[in-house]
Protein backbone atom coordinates (compact mmCIF):
# COMPACT_ATOMS: atom_id res chain seq x y z
CA MET A 1 124.34 95.38 132.21
CA ARG A 2 128.21 96.20 132.99
CA GLU A 3 127.91 100.15 133.87
CA VAL A 4 130.89 101.75 132.31
CA VAL A 5 131.30 105.70 132.55
CA LEU A 6 131.61 108.52 129.96
CA ALA A 7 133.78 111.06 130.57
CA SER A 8 131.70 113.52 129.06
CA GLY A 9 128.25 114.85 129.00
CA ASN A 10 128.43 115.66 125.40
CA GLN A 11 124.63 114.27 124.59
CA GLY A 12 125.77 113.30 120.65
CA LYS A 13 129.12 111.57 121.96
CA LEU A 14 126.76 109.59 124.45
CA LEU A 15 124.41 107.95 121.81
CA GLU A 16 127.05 107.39 118.66
CA LEU A 17 128.96 105.28 121.76
CA GLN A 18 125.71 103.66 123.35
CA ALA A 19 124.65 102.77 119.51
CA PHE A 20 127.99 100.46 119.56
CA LEU A 21 127.86 99.45 123.21
CA ASP A 22 124.23 98.42 123.25
CA GLU A 23 125.21 94.60 121.76
CA LYS A 24 127.99 94.07 124.41
CA ASP A 25 125.13 94.66 127.36
CA VAL A 26 127.19 97.99 128.56
CA GLU A 27 125.18 100.58 129.75
CA LEU A 28 127.17 103.93 129.15
CA ILE A 29 126.44 106.75 131.55
CA PRO A 30 127.57 109.95 131.20
CA GLN A 31 129.79 111.29 134.03
CA SER A 32 127.05 114.29 134.67
CA GLU A 33 125.24 111.73 136.41
CA PHE A 34 127.75 111.09 138.89
CA ASN A 35 128.06 114.80 139.28
CA VAL A 36 131.36 114.47 137.94
CA SER A 37 132.33 117.68 136.39
CA ASP A 38 135.29 118.16 133.47
CA VAL A 39 138.42 117.64 134.33
CA ALA A 40 141.19 120.24 132.66
CA GLU A 41 142.38 119.06 129.24
CA THR A 42 145.88 119.71 129.63
CA GLY A 43 147.85 117.61 127.44
CA LEU A 44 149.21 118.79 124.03
CA SER A 45 147.65 115.29 122.15
CA PHE A 46 144.21 113.81 121.83
CA VAL A 47 145.80 110.71 123.55
CA GLU A 48 146.64 112.35 126.57
CA ASN A 49 143.68 114.42 127.06
CA ALA A 50 141.43 111.02 126.63
CA LEU A 51 144.10 109.76 129.26
CA ILE A 52 143.59 112.62 131.72
CA LYS A 53 139.27 112.58 131.28
CA ALA A 54 139.19 108.48 132.03
CA ARG A 55 141.29 108.71 134.68
CA HIS A 56 139.36 111.66 136.43
CA ALA A 57 135.94 109.57 135.44
CA CYS A 58 137.44 106.83 137.12
CA THR A 59 138.83 108.12 140.20
CA GLU A 60 135.70 109.99 140.93
CA THR A 61 133.45 107.18 139.97
CA MET A 62 134.98 103.88 141.11
CA LEU A 63 133.80 102.73 137.80
CA PRO A 64 135.68 101.86 134.61
CA SER A 65 135.70 104.57 132.33
CA ILE A 66 135.49 105.76 128.49
CA ALA A 67 136.72 108.74 127.20
CA ASP A 68 137.09 110.57 123.59
CA ASP A 69 139.41 113.08 122.77
CA SER A 70 138.45 114.06 118.77
CA GLY A 71 138.59 117.04 116.62
CA ILE A 72 138.87 118.22 113.11
CA GLU A 73 142.61 119.05 111.77
CA VAL A 74 142.62 121.32 109.07
CA ASP A 75 145.50 121.39 106.51
CA ALA A 76 145.33 125.14 105.33
CA LEU A 77 145.48 125.87 109.27
CA ASN A 78 148.05 123.43 109.73
CA GLY A 79 146.48 121.11 111.31
CA ALA A 80 144.20 123.58 113.47
CA PRO A 81 141.70 123.63 115.38
CA GLY A 82 142.92 120.08 116.15
CA ILE A 83 143.00 119.43 120.40
CA TYR A 84 141.31 122.41 120.66
CA SER A 85 138.27 121.75 118.29
CA ALA A 86 135.56 121.72 120.98
CA ARG A 87 136.72 125.33 122.21
CA TYR A 88 137.89 126.81 119.41
CA ALA A 89 135.69 129.85 118.64
CA GLY A 90 136.30 130.37 122.91
CA VAL A 91 132.48 129.78 123.99
CA ILE A 92 131.50 127.19 126.07
CA GLY A 93 127.75 125.27 126.27
CA LEU A 94 124.93 125.06 123.92
CA THR A 95 125.99 127.73 121.57
CA ALA A 96 129.76 126.44 120.83
CA ASP A 97 128.89 124.63 117.83
CA ALA A 98 127.64 127.21 115.87
CA ALA A 99 130.21 129.46 117.18
CA ASN A 100 132.99 127.06 116.22
CA ASN A 101 131.66 126.76 112.72
CA ALA A 102 131.25 130.32 112.11
CA LYS A 103 134.98 131.01 113.02
CA LEU A 104 136.30 128.28 111.28
CA VAL A 105 134.26 129.64 107.90
CA ALA A 106 135.79 133.03 108.59
CA GLU A 107 139.31 131.70 108.39
CA LEU A 108 138.92 129.86 105.69
CA GLU A 109 137.08 132.39 103.92
CA GLN A 110 139.37 132.77 101.12
CA VAL A 111 141.03 129.05 100.69
CA PRO A 112 139.76 127.13 97.28
CA ASP A 113 137.74 124.57 97.78
CA LEU A 114 140.43 121.87 96.66
CA GLU A 115 142.56 123.08 99.45
CA ARG A 116 140.37 122.67 102.59
CA THR A 117 141.15 119.46 103.00
CA ALA A 118 140.77 118.28 106.80
CA ARG A 119 140.04 115.26 108.74
CA PHE A 120 138.45 114.15 112.06
CA GLN A 121 140.32 112.39 114.64
CA CYS A 122 139.34 110.45 117.28
CA VAL A 123 140.69 108.43 120.03
CA ILE A 124 139.09 106.48 122.62
CA VAL A 125 140.59 105.06 125.84
CA PHE A 126 139.25 102.78 128.16
CA LEU A 127 140.35 102.42 131.62
CA ARG A 128 139.52 99.37 134.04
CA HIS A 129 140.37 101.60 136.89
CA ALA A 130 142.09 104.68 138.06
CA ASN A 131 145.35 102.57 138.17
CA ASP A 132 145.34 100.80 135.08
CA ARG A 133 148.49 100.76 133.41
CA MET A 134 147.63 99.31 130.39
CA PRO A 135 145.30 101.38 128.72
CA LEU A 136 143.08 100.24 126.27
CA ILE A 137 143.98 103.32 123.57
CA CYS A 138 142.08 103.33 119.82
CA GLN A 139 142.21 105.72 117.27
CA GLY A 140 140.30 106.72 113.94
CA THR A 141 140.76 108.90 111.09
CA TRP A 142 138.07 110.18 108.41
CA GLU A 143 139.00 112.10 105.71
CA GLY A 144 137.43 115.03 103.91
CA ARG A 145 136.91 119.02 103.19
CA ILE A 146 135.46 121.62 104.72
CA LEU A 147 132.67 123.37 102.63
CA PHE A 148 131.76 127.33 102.65
CA GLU A 149 128.92 126.92 104.66
CA GLU A 150 126.74 124.46 106.62
CA SER A 151 124.44 122.08 105.17
CA GLY A 152 122.63 118.97 106.80
CA ASP A 153 120.90 118.53 110.23
CA ASN A 154 122.32 115.52 111.22
CA GLY A 155 125.48 114.89 113.88
CA PHE A 156 127.09 117.94 116.05
CA GLY A 157 129.75 119.81 115.77
CA TYR A 158 131.57 120.43 112.49
CA ASP A 159 129.45 117.52 111.29
CA PRO A 160 127.50 120.43 108.82
CA LEU A 161 130.59 121.71 107.52
CA PHE A 162 132.50 118.04 106.92
CA PHE A 163 132.04 116.97 103.41
CA VAL A 164 132.30 113.55 102.88
CA PRO A 165 133.61 112.89 98.89
CA THR A 166 133.07 109.08 99.25
CA HIS A 167 128.89 110.23 99.79
CA ASP A 168 128.80 113.90 98.46
CA CYS A 169 127.37 115.10 101.18
CA THR A 170 128.48 116.66 104.64
CA SER A 171 128.26 114.23 107.56
CA ALA A 172 125.44 115.71 109.05
CA GLU A 173 123.59 114.81 105.85
CA LEU A 174 124.71 111.21 106.38
CA ASP A 175 121.55 109.06 108.37
CA PRO A 176 123.55 107.36 111.81
CA GLU A 177 124.06 103.86 110.78
CA THR A 178 125.95 105.11 107.68
CA LYS A 179 127.58 107.48 109.84
CA ASN A 180 129.13 105.48 112.42
CA SER A 181 130.02 103.12 109.14
CA LEU A 182 132.01 105.77 108.40
CA SER A 183 133.13 108.06 111.00
CA HIS A 184 136.50 108.37 113.28
CA ARG A 185 134.82 107.62 115.83
CA GLY A 186 133.19 104.62 114.29
CA GLN A 187 136.28 103.66 113.57
CA ALA A 188 137.86 103.90 116.38
CA LEU A 189 134.94 101.96 118.69
CA ARG A 190 135.46 99.50 116.48
CA GLN A 191 138.64 98.53 117.78
CA LEU A 192 137.83 99.01 121.11
CA LEU A 193 135.38 96.02 120.71
CA GLN A 194 138.21 94.21 119.22
CA CYS A 195 139.93 94.75 121.64
CA TRP A 196 137.74 94.28 124.52
CA LYS A 197 137.48 90.12 123.75
CA ASP A 198 141.04 89.91 124.76
CA LEU A 199 141.03 91.68 127.97
CA PRO A 200 140.35 89.54 131.12
């Protein structure tokens, strides 16, 4: 299998991405297996941060890399937390998801249901090597609303708060196959797989 490094140690992302890449005979290896630490995400957009992470992983491992930068944009919060979604509450590690979700619920406490519109954004970047001047950049968007409390045990991050109107449940209540068919990350990955057909 072709080895590609994932510029993340997030197990949730790893599982979702690998499910798509299995059919392409690609083994996705998290950068933590190469003792590569996270790089500072100093960009001001999802695209910039994804490129920073992908290039760092390529440089450190000498392998092609995939980086995902994603987050949730809430209209009532003027697009926040956006690129700061993973560190919204200022917590790092195993308790970050719970802290981020609690902060989002608190921030929207006075916002009525119909004004809690939001969307997940995802940018996926593929670099063939650290000096790749023509990276593949793919993007997906998933529209929904933020609930007043969490529901569901699947997924990760903001999934338990993200209500999907088309399926009348949260992202965390969807089975993995359905989620992948709808999600921002699934959309971006399908674009990536299509673009890969044209790579030399």
